[in-house]
Amino acid sequence: MARIKFMNTEIDNLTMDEALKRLDELILENRNAYVVTPNVDHLVQLERGGPLNDVYKNADLILTDGKPLLWISKWYGNPIKEKISGSDLFPRICSLAAQKGYKMFFLGAAEGVAAKAAENLKKKFKKLQIVGTYSPPFGFEKDKVEMARINMMIKETKPHILIVCFGCPKQELFIFHHKDELNVPLSLGLGASLDFEAKNIKRAPKWMANHGLEWLFRITQDPKRLAKRYFLDDTKIFRMAIKYKKK
């Protein structure tokens, strides 16, 4: 598989179709695999160090989510083939699951969002089996009763694919620490994907996403939460790009 070194991580340099083929293989291998989808924000967090770095070092598949990373890779002379954003990957995984008879479980987002996303997706993919949805309350990860409830729901329904949407790094750390206990063949942390499929949050128009402007659209949707991230934290990527170019 074409894994390349990129800045402070590695990337599986695949097209969307190649990534889906690999996801199918990981499900069949049945060894509690997980996927991460690095974007600018993830790389900035990795640069600070901490537990997210361990998650990335052990990931079974690392797929690039962000046009700026593609631009930087071209500047480095080792282009990444394709942007594979979690929100584009999610419906493709649902399509694969419907075709192959894989069962899915959705965990995360605000109350009712996962269930609404499941309802919408089942209309889109007639044979899709979503065996469970749950939106845990804030602070659930410190609540033993809540963690036991999540554990029991997932173990009882035995999904092939677990979609976790808590935002980074919470979703990645949850998957990393509980993947063997939950015993799901494939887990993915996909951020706002459940919100998009539930029509709870609007996605950026295609032309904006294709030109690397999805961040600008998302700020207009949630300025209070996202302005600091995009204007202060994520601008560190410019210094980082120069640093790793020199290396």
Protein backbone atom coordinates (compact mmCIF):
# COMPACT_ATOMS: atom_id res chain seq x y z
CA MET A 1 0.00 0.00 0.00
CA ALA A 2 1.23 3.49 -0.90
CA ARG A 3 1.94 5.02 2.54
CA ILE A 4 4.08 8.16 2.33
CA LYS A 5 5.69 10.46 4.89
CA PHE A 6 3.93 13.83 4.99
CA MET A 7 4.87 16.62 7.41
CA ASN A 8 4.40 15.23 10.96
CA THR A 9 2.45 12.11 9.99
CA GLU A 10 2.13 9.49 7.28
CA ILE A 11 -0.58 9.31 4.60
CA ASP A 12 -2.04 6.39 2.68
CA ASN A 13 -1.85 7.95 -0.78
CA LEU A 14 -5.04 6.51 -2.26
CA THR A 15 -7.94 7.58 -4.45
CA MET A 16 -11.48 7.35 -3.06
CA ASP A 17 -12.08 4.06 -4.92
CA GLU A 18 -8.80 2.60 -3.65
CA ALA A 19 -9.67 3.68 -0.11
CA LEU A 20 -13.09 1.97 -0.28
CA LYS A 21 -11.46 -1.23 -1.51
CA ARG A 22 -9.04 -1.10 1.44
CA LEU A 23 -11.91 -0.43 3.89
CA ASP A 24 -13.70 -3.51 2.57
CA GLU A 25 -10.51 -5.55 3.09
CA LEU A 26 -10.14 -4.27 6.67
CA ILE A 27 -13.72 -5.33 7.49
CA LEU A 28 -13.04 -8.82 6.15
CA GLU A 29 -9.74 -9.03 8.07
CA ASN A 30 -11.81 -8.53 11.27
CA ARG A 31 -9.05 -7.22 13.54
CA ASN A 32 -10.62 -4.08 15.06
CA ALA A 33 -9.09 -1.67 12.54
CA TYR A 34 -9.62 2.09 12.58
CA VAL A 35 -9.28 5.00 10.18
CA VAL A 36 -8.18 8.61 10.70
CA THR A 37 -8.79 11.46 8.25
CA PRO A 38 -6.18 14.18 8.83
CA ASN A 39 -6.94 17.79 7.94
CA VAL A 40 -5.09 21.01 8.77
CA ASP A 41 -6.48 21.06 12.32
CA HIS A 42 -5.32 17.49 13.00
CA LEU A 43 -1.78 18.25 11.82
CA VAL A 44 -1.63 21.36 14.04
CA GLN A 45 -2.75 19.22 17.00
CA LEU A 46 -0.16 16.54 16.16
CA GLU A 47 2.55 19.21 16.11
CA ARG A 48 1.74 20.08 19.74
CA GLY A 49 2.28 16.46 20.76
CA GLY A 50 0.05 14.43 23.07
CA PRO A 51 -2.21 11.36 22.92
CA LEU A 52 -3.42 12.02 19.36
CA ASN A 53 0.08 11.15 18.12
CA ASP A 54 -0.29 7.58 19.44
CA VAL A 55 -3.64 7.29 17.65
CA TYR A 56 -2.03 8.27 14.35
CA LYS A 57 1.01 6.01 14.79
CA ASN A 58 -1.25 2.97 15.15
CA ALA A 59 -3.96 3.82 12.58
CA ASP A 60 -4.73 1.19 9.95
CA LEU A 61 -5.66 3.77 7.32
CA ILE A 62 -4.77 7.49 7.12
CA LEU A 63 -6.78 9.38 4.48
CA THR A 64 -6.25 13.04 3.59
CA ASP A 65 -9.18 15.35 4.39
CA GLY A 66 -8.31 18.84 3.15
CA LYS A 67 -7.36 20.64 -0.03
CA PRO A 68 -4.56 22.64 1.68
CA LEU A 69 -2.74 19.37 2.41
CA LEU A 70 -2.95 18.43 -1.27
CA TRP A 71 -1.49 21.82 -2.22
CA ILE A 72 1.37 21.43 0.27
CA SER A 73 2.10 17.90 -1.03
CA LYS A 74 2.38 19.29 -4.59
CA TRP A 75 4.77 21.97 -3.33
CA TYR A 76 6.85 19.20 -1.75
CA GLY A 77 6.94 17.38 -5.10
CA ASN A 78 5.14 14.27 -3.82
CA PRO A 79 1.46 14.89 -4.62
CA ILE A 80 -1.34 13.26 -2.63
CA LYS A 81 -3.73 11.72 -5.16
CA GLU A 82 -7.09 12.84 -3.84
CA LYS A 83 -8.89 14.64 -1.02
CA ILE A 84 -10.98 12.05 0.83
CA SER A 85 -13.05 14.02 3.30
CA GLY A 86 -14.95 12.14 5.99
CA SER A 87 -18.23 13.64 4.87
CA ASP A 88 -17.68 12.42 1.28
CA LEU A 89 -16.45 9.04 2.47
CA PHE A 90 -19.41 8.44 4.79
CA PRO A 91 -22.17 7.96 2.16
CA ARG A 92 -19.78 5.85 0.07
CA ILE A 93 -19.22 3.57 3.09
CA CYS A 94 -22.99 3.35 3.58
CA SER A 95 -23.34 2.35 -0.08
CA LEU A 96 -20.64 -0.32 0.37
CA ALA A 97 -22.37 -1.59 3.55
CA ALA A 98 -25.73 -1.82 1.76
CA GLN A 99 -24.19 -3.79 -1.12
CA LYS A 100 -22.18 -6.18 1.10
CA GLY A 101 -24.69 -6.60 3.95
CA TYR A 102 -22.43 -4.96 6.55
CA LYS A 103 -24.16 -3.72 9.70
CA MET A 104 -23.49 -0.15 10.92
CA PHE A 105 -23.74 1.65 14.28
CA PHE A 106 -23.75 5.47 14.59
CA LEU A 107 -22.40 7.01 17.81
CA GLY A 108 -22.29 10.74 18.54
CA ALA A 109 -23.68 14.16 17.54
CA ALA A 110 -26.46 15.93 19.47
CA GLU A 111 -29.55 14.09 20.69
CA GLY A 112 -31.66 12.75 17.82
CA VAL A 113 -29.13 13.62 15.09
CA ALA A 114 -27.71 10.10 14.66
CA ALA A 115 -31.24 8.64 14.45
CA LYS A 116 -32.28 11.24 11.85
CA ALA A 117 -29.12 10.59 9.81
CA ALA A 118 -29.90 6.85 9.93
CA GLU A 119 -33.46 7.49 8.73
CA ASN A 120 -32.25 9.61 5.79
CA LEU A 121 -29.51 7.16 4.81
CA LYS A 122 -31.88 4.17 4.86
CA LYS A 123 -34.08 6.01 2.34
CA LYS A 124 -31.02 6.57 0.13
CA PHE A 125 -29.62 3.03 0.44
CA LYS A 126 -32.54 0.59 0.61
CA LYS A 127 -30.61 -2.44 1.93
CA LEU A 128 -28.62 -0.51 4.54
CA GLN A 129 -28.65 -2.12 7.98
CA ILE A 130 -28.16 0.43 10.76
CA VAL A 131 -28.40 -1.69 13.89
CA GLY A 132 -28.08 1.12 16.42
CA THR A 133 -27.70 4.86 16.99
CA TYR A 134 -26.83 6.68 20.20
CA SER A 135 -26.04 10.28 21.10
CA PRO A 136 -24.40 10.17 24.55
CA PRO A 137 -24.69 13.12 26.96
CA PHE A 138 -21.89 15.64 27.51
CA GLY A 139 -19.14 14.22 29.72
CA PHE A 140 -20.17 10.60 29.05
CA GLU A 141 -16.53 9.47 28.84
CA LYS A 142 -16.12 10.13 32.61
CA ASP A 143 -19.38 8.34 33.49
CA LYS A 144 -18.94 4.59 34.09
CA VAL A 145 -22.68 3.93 33.67
CA GLU A 146 -22.77 5.69 30.29
CA MET A 147 -19.63 3.94 29.09
CA ALA A 148 -21.11 0.58 30.13
CA ARG A 149 -24.34 1.43 28.25
CA ILE A 150 -22.41 2.28 25.05
CA ASN A 151 -20.33 -0.87 25.42
CA MET A 152 -23.42 -3.05 25.85
CA MET A 153 -25.32 -1.48 22.90
CA ILE A 154 -22.43 -2.01 20.49
CA LYS A 155 -21.60 -5.52 21.69
CA GLU A 156 -25.26 -6.63 21.50
CA THR A 157 -25.80 -5.32 17.96
CA LYS A 158 -22.42 -6.58 16.61
CA PRO A 159 -21.89 -4.01 13.84
CA HIS A 160 -19.22 -4.44 11.18
CA ILE A 161 -18.72 -0.65 11.00
CA LEU A 162 -18.78 1.89 13.84
CA ILE A 163 -19.10 5.58 12.93
CA VAL A 164 -18.08 7.91 15.79
CA CYS A 165 -18.80 11.65 15.59
CA PHE A 166 -17.51 13.55 18.63
CA GLY A 167 -15.01 15.84 16.86
CA CYS A 168 -11.23 15.60 17.01
CA PRO A 169 -9.43 14.44 19.15
CA LYS A 170 -12.27 13.04 21.28
CA GLN A 171 -13.59 10.62 18.63
CA GLU A 172 -10.12 9.35 17.69
CA LEU A 173 -9.14 8.79 21.34
CA PHE A 174 -12.45 7.00 22.06
CA ILE A 175 -11.87 4.61 19.15
CA PHE A 176 -8.19 4.05 19.99
CA HIS A 177 -8.85 3.22 23.66
CA HIS A 178 -11.98 1.09 23.20
CA LYS A 179 -11.59 -0.63 19.79
CA ASP A 180 -10.49 -4.01 21.19
CA GLU A 181 -13.10 -3.98 23.94
CA LEU A 182 -15.91 -3.12 21.47
CA ASN A 183 -14.61 -5.66 18.93
CA VAL A 184 -15.88 -3.93 15.78
CA PRO A 185 -14.04 -4.83 12.52
CA LEU A 186 -13.84 -1.18 11.35
CA SER A 187 -14.22 2.13 13.22
CA LEU A 188 -14.06 5.66 11.79
CA GLY A 189 -14.18 9.09 13.43
CA LEU A 190 -16.10 11.31 11.01
CA GLY A 191 -16.71 14.65 12.76
CA ALA A 192 -19.79 16.45 11.48
CA SER A 193 -20.83 13.72 9.02
CA LEU A 194 -23.93 12.68 11.00
CA ASP A 195 -25.02 16.34 11.18
CA PHE A 196 -24.62 16.66 7.42
CA GLU A 197 -26.64 13.51 6.69
CA ALA A 198 -29.33 14.53 9.19
CA LYS A 199 -29.51 17.92 7.36
CA ASN A 200 -28.79 19.49 10.74
CA ILE A 201 -25.81 21.42 9.30
CA LYS A 202 -25.45 22.52 5.68
CA ARG A 203 -22.42 21.35 3.73
CA ALA A 204 -20.40 23.83 1.72
CA PRO A 205 -21.30 24.01 -1.99
CA LYS A 206 -19.18 21.70 -4.15
CA TRP A 207 -17.30 24.59 -5.79
CA MET A 208 -16.17 25.87 -2.38
CA ALA A 209 -15.05 22.42 -1.24
CA ASN A 210 -13.19 21.87 -4.52
CA HIS A 211 -11.31 25.17 -4.10
CA GLY A 212 -10.35 24.61 -0.47
CA LEU A 213 -12.93 27.08 0.88
CA GLU A 214 -15.06 24.70 2.93
CA TRP A 215 -13.62 26.22 6.13
CA LEU A 216 -14.99 29.65 5.16
CA PHE A 217 -18.49 28.26 4.67
CA ARG A 218 -18.32 26.35 7.97
CA ILE A 219 -17.36 29.51 9.88
CA THR A 220 -20.61 31.14 8.72
CA GLN A 221 -22.52 28.14 10.12
CA ASP A 222 -20.87 28.18 13.58
CA PRO A 223 -18.67 31.31 14.01
CA LYS A 224 -18.49 31.15 17.82
CA ARG A 225 -16.92 27.68 17.84
CA LEU A 226 -14.91 27.70 14.61
CA ALA A 227 -13.47 31.22 14.19
CA LYS A 228 -10.63 30.69 16.69
CA ARG A 229 -9.79 27.29 15.21
CA TYR A 230 -9.56 28.49 11.62
CA PHE A 231 -8.07 31.99 12.11
CA LEU A 232 -5.68 31.37 15.02
CA ASP A 233 -4.89 27.67 15.39
CA ASP A 234 -4.99 26.46 11.79
CA THR A 235 -2.90 29.32 10.36
CA LYS A 236 0.07 27.62 12.07
CA ILE A 237 0.06 25.23 9.09
CA PHE A 238 1.98 27.82 7.02
CA ARG A 239 4.98 27.80 9.38
CA MET A 240 4.76 24.03 9.65
CA ALA A 241 4.75 23.61 5.85
CA ILE A 242 7.99 25.62 5.57
CA LYS A 243 9.57 23.74 8.49
CA TYR A 244 8.92 20.30 6.95
CA LYS A 245 9.92 21.49 3.47
CA LYS A 246 13.36 22.34 4.89
CA LYS A 247 13.57 18.90 6.52
